[in-house]
Protein backbone atom coordinates (compact mmCIF):
# COMPACT_ATOMS: atom_id res chain seq x y z
CA MET A 1 59.90 120.08 164.36
CA ALA A 2 61.69 116.73 164.46
CA SER A 3 59.58 113.69 163.60
CA LEU A 4 61.05 111.12 165.96
CA LEU A 5 57.67 110.27 167.50
CA PHE A 6 54.62 108.57 166.03
CA ASN A 7 52.02 111.19 165.07
CA PRO A 8 48.65 109.95 163.76
CA SER A 9 48.13 113.24 161.92
CA THR A 10 51.05 112.58 159.60
CA TYR A 11 51.28 108.79 159.71
CA ASP A 12 51.94 107.15 156.35
CA PRO A 13 54.11 104.00 156.43
CA THR A 14 55.21 104.20 152.82
CA TYR A 15 57.82 101.45 153.21
CA LEU A 16 55.01 98.88 153.65
CA ASP A 17 53.02 97.20 150.92
CA ASP A 18 49.93 99.14 149.88
CA GLU A 19 47.38 96.95 151.70
CA SER A 20 49.28 96.86 155.01
CA ARG A 21 49.71 100.60 154.78
CA ARG A 22 45.99 101.07 154.11
CA GLN A 23 44.99 98.79 156.98
CA LEU A 24 47.17 100.59 159.52
CA ARG A 25 45.90 103.98 158.45
CA ALA A 26 42.36 102.62 158.67
CA LEU A 27 43.13 101.49 162.22
CA VAL A 28 44.26 105.02 163.11
CA GLN A 29 41.07 106.37 161.60
CA PHE A 30 38.96 103.88 163.58
CA PHE A 31 40.19 105.36 166.85
CA GLU A 32 40.13 108.96 165.67
CA SER A 33 36.54 108.55 164.47
CA LYS A 34 35.56 107.05 167.80
CA GLY A 35 37.10 110.07 169.53
CA LYS A 36 38.64 110.52 172.93
CA ALA A 37 35.41 111.15 174.83
CA THR A 38 33.83 107.89 173.67
CA LEU A 39 37.04 105.92 174.17
CA LYS A 40 37.38 107.25 177.72
CA SER A 41 33.72 106.61 178.48
CA GLU A 42 34.07 103.00 177.42
CA TYR A 43 37.30 102.74 179.43
CA HIS A 44 35.62 103.95 182.63
CA ALA A 45 32.61 101.72 182.03
CA ALA A 46 34.90 98.70 181.41
CA GLN A 47 32.89 98.09 178.25
CA TRP A 48 33.92 95.21 176.00
CA TYR A 49 35.04 96.60 172.63
CA SER A 50 32.88 94.56 170.29
CA ASP A 51 33.01 97.29 167.64
CA PHE A 52 36.81 97.02 167.59
CA ILE A 53 36.69 93.23 167.26
CA ASP A 54 34.16 93.59 164.42
CA PHE A 55 36.35 96.20 162.69
CA ILE A 56 39.48 94.08 162.99
CA GLY A 57 37.61 91.08 161.59
CA GLU A 58 36.08 92.97 158.69
CA GLU A 59 39.44 94.52 157.78
CA GLY A 60 41.28 91.23 158.29
CA ILE A 61 44.05 92.99 160.18
CA PHE A 62 44.84 90.29 162.72
CA ALA A 63 44.60 87.64 160.00
CA ARG A 64 46.96 89.49 157.68
CA PHE A 65 49.48 90.35 160.38
CA GLY A 66 49.19 87.17 162.46
CA THR A 67 49.15 84.32 159.91
CA PRO A 68 52.50 82.87 158.87
CA ALA A 69 52.85 82.26 155.14
CA ALA A 70 53.19 78.50 155.65
CA VAL A 71 49.83 78.41 157.45
CA ALA A 72 48.18 80.46 154.70
CA ASP A 73 49.26 77.76 152.23
CA LEU A 74 47.25 75.18 154.21
CA MET A 75 44.02 77.15 154.15
CA ASP A 76 41.26 76.53 151.60
CA SER A 77 40.52 80.24 151.32
CA GLY A 78 44.15 81.32 151.43
CA ALA A 79 45.29 84.53 153.08
CA PRO A 80 46.65 87.11 150.63
CA ASP A 81 50.04 88.53 151.69
CA ALA A 82 49.76 86.86 155.10
CA ARG A 83 53.13 86.67 156.82
CA TRP A 84 54.59 87.02 160.28
CA ASP A 85 56.48 90.25 159.56
CA THR A 86 57.86 91.65 162.81
CA ALA A 87 58.52 95.10 161.28
CA ARG A 88 54.89 95.72 160.39
CA ILE A 89 53.69 93.99 163.59
CA ASN A 90 55.71 96.55 165.56
CA GLU A 91 53.78 99.29 163.80
CA LEU A 92 50.51 97.64 164.79
CA ASN A 93 51.60 97.38 168.43
CA GLU A 94 52.67 101.01 168.61
CA ILE A 95 49.37 102.25 167.18
CA LEU A 96 47.27 100.09 169.51
CA GLY A 97 49.34 101.11 172.51
CA PHE A 98 49.10 104.76 171.52
CA TYR A 99 45.30 104.70 171.67
CA SER A 100 44.37 102.03 174.19
CA LEU A 101 46.26 99.23 175.89
CA ASP A 102 42.89 97.57 176.51
CA HIS A 103 42.50 97.18 172.74
CA TRP A 104 46.15 96.21 172.30
CA TYR A 105 45.57 93.41 174.78
CA ALA A 106 43.16 91.64 172.40
CA TRP A 107 46.02 91.42 169.89
CA GLN A 108 48.66 90.49 172.44
CA VAL A 109 46.82 87.54 173.87
CA SER A 110 45.79 86.43 170.40
CA VAL A 111 49.51 86.30 169.53
CA LEU A 112 50.12 84.17 172.62
CA GLY A 113 47.23 81.90 171.74
CA LEU A 114 48.45 81.46 168.19
CA GLY A 115 52.03 80.67 169.18
CA PRO A 116 51.54 77.06 170.33
CA VAL A 117 49.50 76.39 167.17
CA TRP A 118 52.01 77.89 164.74
CA THR A 119 54.89 76.01 166.44
CA SER A 120 53.08 72.67 166.34
CA ASP A 121 53.36 69.76 163.90
CA ASN A 122 49.57 69.53 163.66
CA PRO A 123 48.56 70.74 160.18
CA GLU A 124 44.85 70.21 160.86
CA ALA A 125 44.99 72.50 163.89
CA LYS A 126 46.95 75.09 161.94
CA LYS A 127 44.42 75.05 159.11
CA LEU A 128 41.46 75.28 161.51
CA VAL A 129 42.93 78.17 163.50
CA GLY A 130 44.11 79.96 160.36
CA GLU A 131 40.61 79.86 158.90
CA LEU A 132 39.05 81.01 162.17
CA LEU A 133 41.51 83.89 162.22
CA ALA A 134 40.56 84.78 158.65
CA GLU A 135 36.91 84.83 159.74
CA GLY A 136 37.73 87.40 162.43
CA SER A 137 38.25 85.24 165.51
CA ILE A 138 40.53 86.23 168.35
CA PHE A 139 42.50 83.79 170.49
CA GLY A 140 43.92 83.19 173.94
CA PHE A 141 46.75 81.47 175.83
CA GLY A 142 45.70 79.20 178.68
CA LEU A 143 48.92 78.96 180.67
CA SER A 144 48.52 80.74 184.02
CA GLU A 145 46.58 79.52 187.04
CA GLN A 146 45.51 81.37 190.16
CA THR A 147 47.43 79.06 192.46
CA HIS A 148 50.62 78.73 190.41
CA GLY A 149 50.70 81.91 188.34
CA ALA A 150 52.79 81.36 185.20
CA ASP A 151 54.88 78.63 186.86
CA ILE A 152 54.91 76.08 184.08
CA TYR A 153 56.51 73.50 186.35
CA SER A 154 53.16 73.25 188.11
CA THR A 155 49.65 72.93 186.69
CA ASP A 156 46.32 71.69 187.97
CA MET A 157 44.97 71.16 184.45
CA VAL A 158 45.07 67.37 184.09
CA LEU A 159 44.16 65.15 181.14
CA THR A 160 43.03 61.65 182.07
CA PRO A 161 42.74 58.80 179.54
CA SER A 162 39.34 58.26 178.00
CA GLU A 163 38.03 56.26 175.07
CA GLY A 164 39.53 57.78 171.93
CA GLY A 165 41.46 60.47 173.79
CA TRP A 166 41.40 62.23 177.14
CA LEU A 167 39.19 64.24 179.47
CA ALA A 168 40.66 67.56 180.65
CA THR A 169 39.72 68.97 184.05
CA GLY A 170 41.15 71.98 185.83
CA PRO A 171 41.17 75.78 186.19
CA LYS A 172 42.94 78.58 184.35
CA TYR A 173 43.33 82.21 185.42
CA TYR A 174 44.52 85.49 183.83
CA ILE A 175 43.50 84.22 180.39
CA GLY A 176 42.86 87.03 177.93
CA ASN A 177 40.02 86.89 175.41
CA GLY A 178 38.46 83.92 177.24
CA ASN A 179 35.04 85.46 176.65
CA GLU A 180 35.23 85.59 172.85
CA ALA A 181 38.15 83.43 171.69
CA GLY A 182 37.64 81.18 168.70
CA ARG A 183 40.10 78.76 170.34
CA LEU A 184 42.33 78.74 173.41
CA SER A 185 45.76 77.07 173.47
CA VAL A 186 45.75 75.47 176.93
CA PHE A 187 48.72 74.09 178.87
CA GLY A 188 48.34 71.12 181.17
CA LYS A 189 49.74 67.69 181.88
CA PHE A 190 48.72 64.11 181.36
CA SER A 191 47.72 62.21 184.47
CA ASP A 192 50.32 60.00 186.09
CA ASP A 193 48.40 56.90 185.04
CA ASP A 194 48.44 57.78 181.34
CA PRO A 195 49.81 54.66 179.60
CA ASP A 196 51.89 56.57 177.04
CA LEU A 197 52.81 59.98 178.52
CA PRO A 198 52.47 59.70 182.32
CA GLY A 199 52.81 63.12 183.95
CA GLU A 200 54.08 64.77 180.73
CA TYR A 201 53.23 68.34 179.74
CA VAL A 202 50.76 69.03 176.96
CA PHE A 203 49.36 71.93 174.92
CA PHE A 204 45.91 71.35 173.46
CA LEU A 205 43.19 73.34 171.71
CA VAL A 206 39.98 74.25 173.54
CA ASP A 207 36.73 75.54 172.06
CA PRO A 208 35.10 77.93 174.56
CA LYS A 209 31.70 77.11 173.07
CA ASN A 210 31.94 73.55 174.36
CA PRO A 211 29.54 72.85 177.27
CA ALA A 212 32.47 71.48 179.31
CA PHE A 213 34.02 74.98 179.28
CA THR A 214 32.83 77.32 182.05
CA LEU A 215 33.66 81.02 181.85
CA GLN A 216 33.77 82.16 185.46
CA LYS A 217 34.58 85.88 185.43
CA ASN A 218 36.70 88.76 184.24
CA VAL A 219 39.38 89.08 186.94
CA VAL A 220 40.07 92.76 186.22
CA HIS A 221 37.93 95.88 185.87
CA GLY A 222 38.56 96.98 182.32
CA SER A 223 37.49 96.84 178.71
CA MET A 224 39.92 93.97 178.18
CA TYR A 225 38.65 90.59 179.28
CA VAL A 226 41.12 88.67 181.49
CA SER A 227 39.19 85.52 182.20
CA ALA A 228 39.06 82.81 184.76
CA PHE A 229 37.65 79.59 183.32
CA ARG A 230 37.39 75.94 184.13
CA LEU A 231 37.23 72.71 182.16
CA ASP A 232 35.27 69.78 183.55
CA LYS A 233 35.80 66.52 181.66
CA TYR A 234 36.41 68.40 178.41
CA ALA A 235 36.87 65.80 175.65
CA VAL A 236 40.29 66.13 173.99
CA GLY A 237 41.02 64.14 170.86
CA PRO A 238 44.35 63.52 169.08
CA GLN A 239 43.42 66.25 166.60
CA ASP A 240 43.41 68.77 169.47
CA ILE A 241 46.93 67.97 170.70
CA LEU A 242 49.50 70.60 169.79
CA HIS A 243 52.58 69.56 171.80
CA THR A 244 53.52 66.91 174.33
CA GLY A 245 56.45 66.46 176.71
CA ARG A 246 59.46 68.75 176.39
CA ALA A 247 58.02 70.20 173.16
CA ALA A 248 55.11 71.66 175.16
CA TRP A 249 57.57 73.35 177.51
CA ASP A 250 59.60 74.74 174.63
CA ALA A 251 56.42 75.96 172.88
CA ALA A 252 55.40 77.90 175.98
CA LEU A 253 58.77 79.68 176.15
CA ALA A 254 58.99 80.28 172.41
CA THR A 255 55.51 81.79 172.41
CA ILE A 256 56.40 84.11 175.28
CA ASN A 257 59.55 85.14 173.39
CA VAL A 258 57.41 86.23 170.45
CA GLY A 259 54.94 88.06 172.68
CA LYS A 260 57.60 89.98 174.62
CA VAL A 261 58.33 92.21 171.62
CA ASN A 262 54.76 93.48 171.64
CA LEU A 263 55.10 94.75 175.19
CA ALA A 264 57.93 97.11 174.29
CA TRP A 265 56.04 98.71 171.41
CA GLY A 266 52.84 98.98 173.43
CA SER A 267 54.80 100.88 176.08
CA ILE A 268 56.29 103.16 173.44
CA GLY A 269 52.83 104.01 172.10
CA ILE A 270 51.47 104.84 175.56
CA ALA A 271 54.46 107.05 176.38
CA GLU A 272 54.24 108.92 173.08
CA HIS A 273 50.56 109.79 173.47
CA ALA A 274 51.13 110.89 177.06
CA PHE A 275 54.10 112.98 175.93
CA TYR A 276 52.02 114.99 173.44
CA GLU A 277 49.29 115.61 176.00
CA SER A 278 51.72 116.59 178.77
CA VAL A 279 53.82 118.96 176.72
CA THR A 280 50.79 120.72 175.24
CA HIS A 281 49.23 121.13 178.69
CA ALA A 282 52.38 122.35 180.42
CA ASN A 283 53.47 124.72 177.66
CA ASN A 284 50.13 126.50 177.81
CA ARG A 285 49.72 126.63 181.59
CA ILE A 286 50.73 129.90 183.26
CA LEU A 287 52.02 129.94 186.83
CA TYR A 288 53.42 133.03 188.53
CA GLY A 289 53.32 134.86 185.23
CA ASN A 290 55.32 132.27 183.29
CA ALA A 291 54.59 129.18 181.25
CA VAL A 292 55.21 126.10 183.36
CA THR A 293 57.81 124.99 180.86
CA GLN A 294 59.98 128.01 181.68
CA PHE A 295 60.87 126.48 185.04
CA PRO A 296 64.27 124.76 184.76
CA HIS A 297 63.20 121.58 186.56
CA VAL A 298 60.21 121.18 184.25
CA ARG A 299 62.35 121.65 181.14
CA ARG A 300 64.80 119.07 182.47
CA MET A 301 62.03 116.52 183.16
CA ILE A 302 60.52 116.96 179.70
CA ALA A 303 63.98 116.70 178.10
CA ASP A 304 64.74 113.52 180.07
CA ALA A 305 61.39 112.01 179.10
CA TYR A 306 62.02 112.84 175.43
CA ALA A 307 65.53 111.38 175.56
CA ARG A 308 64.23 108.17 177.14
CA LEU A 309 61.51 107.89 174.48
CA ILE A 310 64.07 108.23 171.70
CA GLY A 311 66.19 105.53 173.32
CA MET A 312 63.18 103.21 173.68
CA LYS A 313 62.44 103.44 169.98
CA LEU A 314 66.04 103.06 168.82
CA TYR A 315 66.61 99.99 170.97
CA SER A 316 63.32 98.35 170.02
CA VAL A 317 63.69 98.70 166.30
CA ARG A 318 67.26 97.37 166.42
CA SER A 319 66.45 94.40 168.64
CA ALA A 320 63.76 93.45 166.12
CA ASP A 321 66.48 93.18 163.45
CA TYR A 322 68.14 90.43 165.49
CA PHE A 323 64.80 88.79 166.09
CA ARG A 324 64.14 88.66 162.35
CA THR A 325 67.66 87.45 161.55
CA ALA A 326 67.66 84.68 164.17
CA SER A 327 68.53 81.11 163.23
CA PRO A 328 69.82 77.98 164.95
CA ASP A 329 73.31 79.46 164.45
CA ASP A 330 72.43 82.94 165.73
CA ARG A 331 70.39 83.10 168.90
CA ARG A 332 71.57 86.48 170.17
CA TYR A 333 67.94 87.59 170.13
CA LEU A 334 67.39 85.58 173.30
CA LEU A 335 69.35 88.24 175.18
CA PHE A 336 67.99 91.26 173.33
CA ASN A 337 64.41 90.01 173.60
CA PRO A 338 63.99 89.98 177.42
CA ILE A 339 65.67 93.39 177.49
CA SER A 340 63.02 94.63 175.07
CA LYS A 341 60.36 93.39 177.43
CA MET A 342 61.98 94.41 180.70
CA LYS A 343 64.07 97.49 180.02
CA VAL A 344 61.87 99.24 177.44
CA THR A 345 58.75 98.83 179.57
CA MET A 346 60.62 100.08 182.65
CA GLU A 347 61.73 103.09 180.64
CA GLY A 348 58.09 103.66 179.70
CA GLU A 349 57.25 103.85 183.39
CA ARG A 350 60.03 106.35 183.95
CA VAL A 351 58.78 108.50 181.07
CA ILE A 352 55.28 108.56 182.53
CA ASP A 353 56.62 109.36 186.01
CA LEU A 354 58.61 112.30 184.64
CA LEU A 355 55.61 113.57 182.70
CA TRP A 356 53.29 113.14 185.66
CA ASP A 357 55.46 115.52 187.66
CA VAL A 358 55.00 117.95 184.77
CA ILE A 359 51.27 117.52 184.13
CA ALA A 360 50.63 117.16 187.91
CA ALA A 361 46.95 117.22 188.97
CA ARG A 362 45.77 117.28 185.37
CA GLY A 363 47.00 113.68 185.11
CA PHE A 364 44.22 112.51 187.44
CA GLU A 365 41.39 114.04 185.41
CA LYS A 366 39.06 111.53 183.83
CA ASP A 367 38.88 113.24 180.43
CA THR A 368 42.62 112.92 179.77
CA TYR A 369 44.47 110.14 178.02
CA PHE A 370 47.10 110.45 180.73
CA GLU A 371 44.75 109.15 183.40
CA GLN A 372 44.60 105.75 181.69
CA ALA A 373 48.27 105.86 180.68
CA VAL A 374 49.44 105.91 184.30
CA SER A 375 47.49 102.73 184.97
CA HIS A 376 48.33 100.88 181.76
CA ILE A 377 52.06 101.66 181.74
CA ARG A 378 52.40 99.87 185.09
CA ALA A 379 51.09 96.60 183.66
CA LEU A 380 53.68 96.04 180.97
CA PRO A 381 56.79 95.38 183.10
CA LYS A 382 54.76 92.77 184.97
CA LEU A 383 53.47 90.76 182.00
CA GLU A 384 55.27 87.86 180.25
CA GLY A 385 57.59 87.50 183.24
CA THR A 386 58.27 90.18 185.84
CA VAL A 387 61.25 92.52 185.63
CA HIS A 388 63.05 90.30 188.14
CA VAL A 389 62.45 87.14 186.14
CA ASN A 390 63.79 88.77 182.99
CA LEU A 391 66.79 90.27 184.81
CA ALA A 392 67.68 86.82 186.09
CA LEU A 393 67.36 85.50 182.56
CA VAL A 394 69.59 88.26 181.16
CA LEU A 395 72.39 87.34 183.60
CA LYS A 396 72.75 83.92 181.95
CA PHE A 397 74.30 85.69 178.97
CA LEU A 398 76.83 87.80 180.88
CA PRO A 399 79.91 85.57 180.61
CA GLN A 400 79.71 85.13 176.85
CA TYR A 401 78.93 88.80 176.33
CA LEU A 402 81.98 89.82 178.38
CA ALA A 403 84.10 87.37 176.39
CA ALA A 404 82.96 89.11 173.22
CA ALA A 405 83.83 92.49 174.74
CA ILE A 406 87.49 91.44 175.00
CA GLY A 407 87.64 90.12 171.44
CA GLN A 408 86.76 86.48 172.12
CA GLY A 409 83.28 86.54 170.60
CA GLU A 410 81.78 85.14 167.42
CA GLN A 411 82.55 86.82 164.09
CA TYR A 412 78.98 87.27 162.89
CA ALA A 413 78.10 88.98 159.64
CA ALA A 414 76.69 92.47 160.22
CA VAL A 415 72.92 92.45 160.75
CA ALA A 416 71.12 94.76 158.38
CA ALA A 417 68.08 96.93 159.03
CA ARG A 418 65.26 94.42 158.57
CA ASN A 419 62.23 96.15 157.15
CA ASP A 420 61.89 93.71 154.28
CA ALA A 421 58.49 92.11 153.64
CA VAL A 422 59.37 88.53 154.52
CA ASP A 423 57.96 85.87 156.80
CA ASP A 424 59.84 85.47 160.08
CA ASP A 425 59.35 81.72 160.08
CA TYR A 426 62.17 80.91 162.51
CA LEU A 427 60.15 82.42 165.35
CA PHE A 428 57.91 79.35 165.19
CA ALA A 429 60.82 76.92 164.90
CA GLN A 430 62.95 78.10 167.82
CA GLY A 431 63.48 74.61 169.18
CA SER A 432 64.82 73.97 172.65
CA ALA A 433 65.17 76.82 175.10
CA SER A 434 68.31 75.29 176.63
CA GLY A 435 71.95 76.33 176.28
CA LEU A 436 71.42 80.06 176.90
CA SER A 437 74.72 80.49 178.75
CA LYS A 438 76.63 79.14 175.72
CA ILE A 439 75.23 81.53 173.12
CA PRO A 440 78.11 83.60 171.68
CA PHE A 441 77.94 87.33 170.93
CA HIS A 442 79.79 89.83 168.78
CA ASP A 443 82.12 92.48 170.12
CA PRO A 444 80.00 95.43 171.34
CA ARG A 445 82.89 97.92 171.37
CA PRO A 446 82.69 99.04 167.70
CA ALA A 447 79.07 100.13 168.22
CA PHE A 448 80.14 102.48 170.99
CA ALA A 449 83.31 103.54 169.17
CA ARG A 450 81.19 105.05 166.40
CA PHE A 451 79.98 107.67 168.92
CA GLU A 452 82.91 107.82 171.35
CA HIS A 453 83.59 111.44 170.32
CA LEU A 454 80.30 112.44 171.97
CA PRO A 455 80.95 113.54 175.57
CA ASN A 456 78.34 111.39 177.26
CA VAL A 457 79.03 108.29 175.20
CA ALA A 458 82.69 108.68 176.19
CA VAL A 459 81.73 108.77 179.88
CA PHE A 460 79.46 105.77 179.42
CA ILE A 461 82.33 103.83 177.80
CA GLN A 462 84.41 104.53 180.91
CA GLN A 463 81.63 103.16 183.09
CA MET A 464 81.15 100.12 180.87
CA THR A 465 84.87 99.35 180.90
CA ALA A 466 85.03 99.66 184.68
CA PHE A 467 82.01 97.36 185.00
CA GLY A 468 83.78 94.73 182.92
CA GLN A 469 86.78 95.04 185.18
CA LEU A 470 84.59 94.64 188.27
CA VAL A 471 83.00 91.45 186.98
CA ALA A 472 86.38 90.06 185.86
CA THR A 473 88.25 90.76 189.12
CA ALA A 474 85.49 90.55 191.73
CA PRO A 475 82.80 88.23 190.37
CA PRO A 476 80.03 86.95 192.63
CA SER A 477 81.16 84.13 194.87
CA PRO A 478 79.13 80.88 194.99
CA GLU A 479 77.48 82.18 198.15
CA GLN A 480 76.75 85.58 196.60
CA ALA A 481 75.25 83.85 193.56
CA LYS A 482 72.41 82.80 195.86
CA ASP A 483 71.65 86.43 196.77
CA LEU A 484 69.07 87.58 194.23
CA ASP A 485 69.21 91.22 195.31
CA LEU A 486 72.93 91.42 194.56
CA LEU A 487 72.53 89.62 191.26
CA LEU A 488 69.72 91.90 190.18
CA SER A 489 71.92 94.94 190.80
CA LEU A 490 74.54 93.38 188.54
CA GLY A 491 71.79 92.60 186.04
CA GLN A 492 70.71 96.23 185.85
CA LEU A 493 74.27 97.32 185.06
CA PHE A 494 74.68 94.62 182.41
CA THR A 495 71.31 95.41 180.88
CA GLN A 496 72.26 99.10 180.61
CA VAL A 497 75.37 98.17 178.61
CA VAL A 498 73.46 95.99 176.14
CA TYR A 499 70.73 98.62 175.87
CA GLY A 500 73.32 101.27 175.01
CA GLN A 501 75.01 99.01 172.47
CA LEU A 502 71.90 98.40 170.40
CA ILE A 503 70.93 102.07 170.55
CA CYS A 504 74.35 102.94 169.08
CA GLU A 505 73.89 100.30 166.38
CA SER A 506 70.43 101.60 165.61
CA ALA A 507 71.63 105.19 165.38
CA SER A 508 74.45 104.15 163.05
CA LEU A 509 71.94 102.55 160.68
CA VAL A 510 70.04 105.84 160.56
CA LEU A 511 72.97 108.22 160.32
CA ASP A 512 75.38 106.14 158.23
CA GLY A 513 73.14 103.74 156.37
CA GLU A 514 75.46 100.81 157.04
CA PRO A 515 74.79 97.94 156.75
CA GLY A 516 71.69 97.43 154.69
CA GLY A 517 70.90 101.03 153.84
CA LYS A 518 69.07 103.62 155.87
CA ARG A 519 66.09 102.44 157.81
CA GLU A 520 62.75 103.16 156.18
CA SER A 521 59.85 103.07 158.61
CA SER A 522 57.31 105.74 159.41
CA VAL A 523 56.64 104.69 163.00
CA SER A 524 60.23 103.85 163.83
CA ASP A 525 61.90 106.29 161.50
CA ALA A 526 64.56 108.53 162.95
CA SER A 527 65.14 110.50 159.78
CA ASP A 528 65.61 113.64 161.86
CA LEU A 529 67.97 111.93 164.31
CA THR A 530 71.26 113.69 165.00
CA GLU A 531 74.33 112.96 167.07
CA ALA A 532 73.11 115.58 169.51
CA HIS A 533 70.13 113.33 170.24
CA ILE A 534 72.42 110.39 170.96
CA ASP A 535 74.60 112.42 173.28
CA ARG A 536 71.53 113.56 175.26
CA VAL A 537 70.19 110.00 175.46
CA PHE A 538 73.50 108.87 176.93
CA ALA A 539 73.48 111.73 179.42
CA VAL A 540 70.48 109.99 180.93
CA PHE A 541 72.23 106.62 180.76
CA VAL A 542 75.30 107.92 182.61
CA LYS A 543 73.02 108.91 185.48
CA ASP A 544 71.24 105.56 185.35
CA PHE A 545 74.52 103.65 185.40
CA SER A 546 75.59 105.63 188.45
CA GLU A 547 72.30 104.87 190.16
CA TYR A 548 72.65 101.12 189.56
CA ALA A 549 76.30 101.22 190.70
CA LEU A 550 75.28 102.88 193.95
CA SER A 551 72.66 100.18 194.46
CA LEU A 552 75.31 97.47 193.99
CA SER A 553 77.68 99.14 196.42
CA SER A 554 74.87 99.26 199.01
CA GLN A 555 74.10 95.56 198.87
CA PRO A 556 74.77 93.91 202.25
CA ALA A 557 76.24 90.88 200.53
CA ALA A 558 78.74 92.87 198.43
CA SER A 559 82.43 92.43 199.23
CA ASP A 560 84.71 95.39 199.98
CA SER A 561 86.27 95.08 196.54
CA GLN A 562 82.87 95.01 194.85
CA ARG A 563 81.73 98.06 196.82
CA ASP A 564 84.86 100.04 196.00
CA GLN A 565 84.76 99.17 192.31
CA ALA A 566 81.01 99.86 192.13
CA LEU A 567 81.58 103.35 193.52
CA SER A 568 84.19 103.95 190.83
CA LEU A 569 81.43 103.51 188.23
CA ILE A 570 79.65 106.64 189.44
CA LYS A 571 80.19 109.43 186.91
CA HIS A 572 78.54 112.74 186.05
CA PRO A 573 76.87 113.42 182.71
CA VAL A 574 78.23 116.23 180.56
CA ILE A 575 75.57 118.87 179.97
CA ASP A 576 76.35 121.78 177.67
CA PRO A 577 73.88 124.63 178.44
CA ALA A 578 73.39 125.64 174.80
CA ALA A 579 72.86 122.07 173.65
CA GLU A 580 70.46 121.44 176.52
CA GLN A 581 68.46 124.55 175.60
CA GLN A 582 68.18 123.34 172.01
CA PHE A 583 67.16 119.83 173.02
CA ALA A 584 64.50 121.05 175.46
CA ASP A 585 63.17 123.46 172.82
CA GLU A 586 62.83 120.55 170.42
CA ALA A 587 60.94 118.51 172.99
CA LEU A 588 58.62 121.46 173.65
CA SER A 589 58.00 121.92 169.92
CA HIS A 590 55.58 118.98 170.25
CA ASP A 591 53.13 121.43 171.86
CA GLY A 592 49.96 121.15 169.76
CA ALA A 593 51.52 118.70 167.31
CA TYR A 594 48.81 116.15 168.07
CA ALA A 595 45.57 115.96 170.01
CA MET A 596 43.07 113.13 169.66
CA GLN A 597 39.74 113.96 168.12
CA PRO A 598 37.23 114.91 170.84
């Protein structure tokens, strides 16, 4: 059986250092020892996972994975082998997502809470938070408000001048870990009568144990704690200030950029666990004298789900390479990152929807993992900016990407597979979030050319080329640029191209070992990947591209030329019966490959 999916039974990330490897395997064992029945019971009871928080603290997992090396150098106690290593963080996200998104959430919002601290120029705050993290604390990100959502242009958290500092008053909503956080990084603004920074934005540290902090409620029913809280004349000193003015704005966006990666890997973990459970159930269920998986439509749905899962993993591991290689001179990650968040999580939803049609009524039963997967998978496209927000962001990069696709892009050095044990320090020095539309890209055509001999990649290249022609000859008019529905249809087509490009690059690294040698990662390893897998993945993408093209042609605001050219993008995938049989058989070979301990 191919080993393209994470399997706790065989998990052994040998490419990692010994202690990281041991900690991740211990994390797997924590969940397996707890068992599915207990995990599901706690899920239904919405029970706070104090045992998990204790385990993470005792093992020092969040401290080891979440402390940049520069912060460790400030700490009195130190933090052995602490580094912000995106490769091993991806492993952590996938494992947590695989078992419980509720538990993953404690890590995710800790990452968001740490971001404004790690990006600040306040060494005292960094040292304090680093030592709290080493002691087992978790953290939170106080950005959103019930009235304004995550609109950082507006906030009702106001700091008024006071002797020696300020007094903060205002509400926050949707704030994870608010019940147990060691510190919260809170976003607000100075009052208009502040003598030095009137009306300017600010990030500051809050101690939830302070009497001026009121924890109001958990706004969701779940084991995760998504808090509403309020500050009333909370004393803020200069030592608590993390960022002011434009720097506070940039810190918010930079932190969200870091957190977006986690969403993709959480979605992958959920989809993988649900895949094992669905295939095992369906392959052993007899209807009308046959196994359910003998029905052609069921085999097709399982094959499509498997293909989408493979694509999710290949894209995510490659986009992380660009994230880790980023610098002031190479900000391509700012395109690949929102696609990780938006596209991969959407694909996770599609995988679950396909599998739900396979597992059917069993997917509602309270003793299954699938029952929680269908709820959790829906959350991820809606966190850290909705799909629509991220699609609109992606469109900012379209002109420069198209310029690269006709040979007018930047001549970057090839980006290697980045599994090296180094600190990704640029992530906390991203600087201004401006200038996105001016970021240059490299020519995407060679990535596709590597696989153009595969039938479905060849069809996809035709669609991609025709899309470029559409945008070049019939771009949105100034009036159409105000129509978000039309723009989002264009955004889906553009996103599909970039998604396909990085999947081809990722597959090349596995199959050819260029550049940087073959990828070595247990969770993300595609050591059994073949060109047949890539062709089947692109068979799905050809259908998706056609679906998005039809949506564009149906937009009321589309011109006749745009409609006609959009319809020309509609193509049929190439499905060879023998190859499809083999691919579906491989997907079904996951029957019984993994089941969580009872």
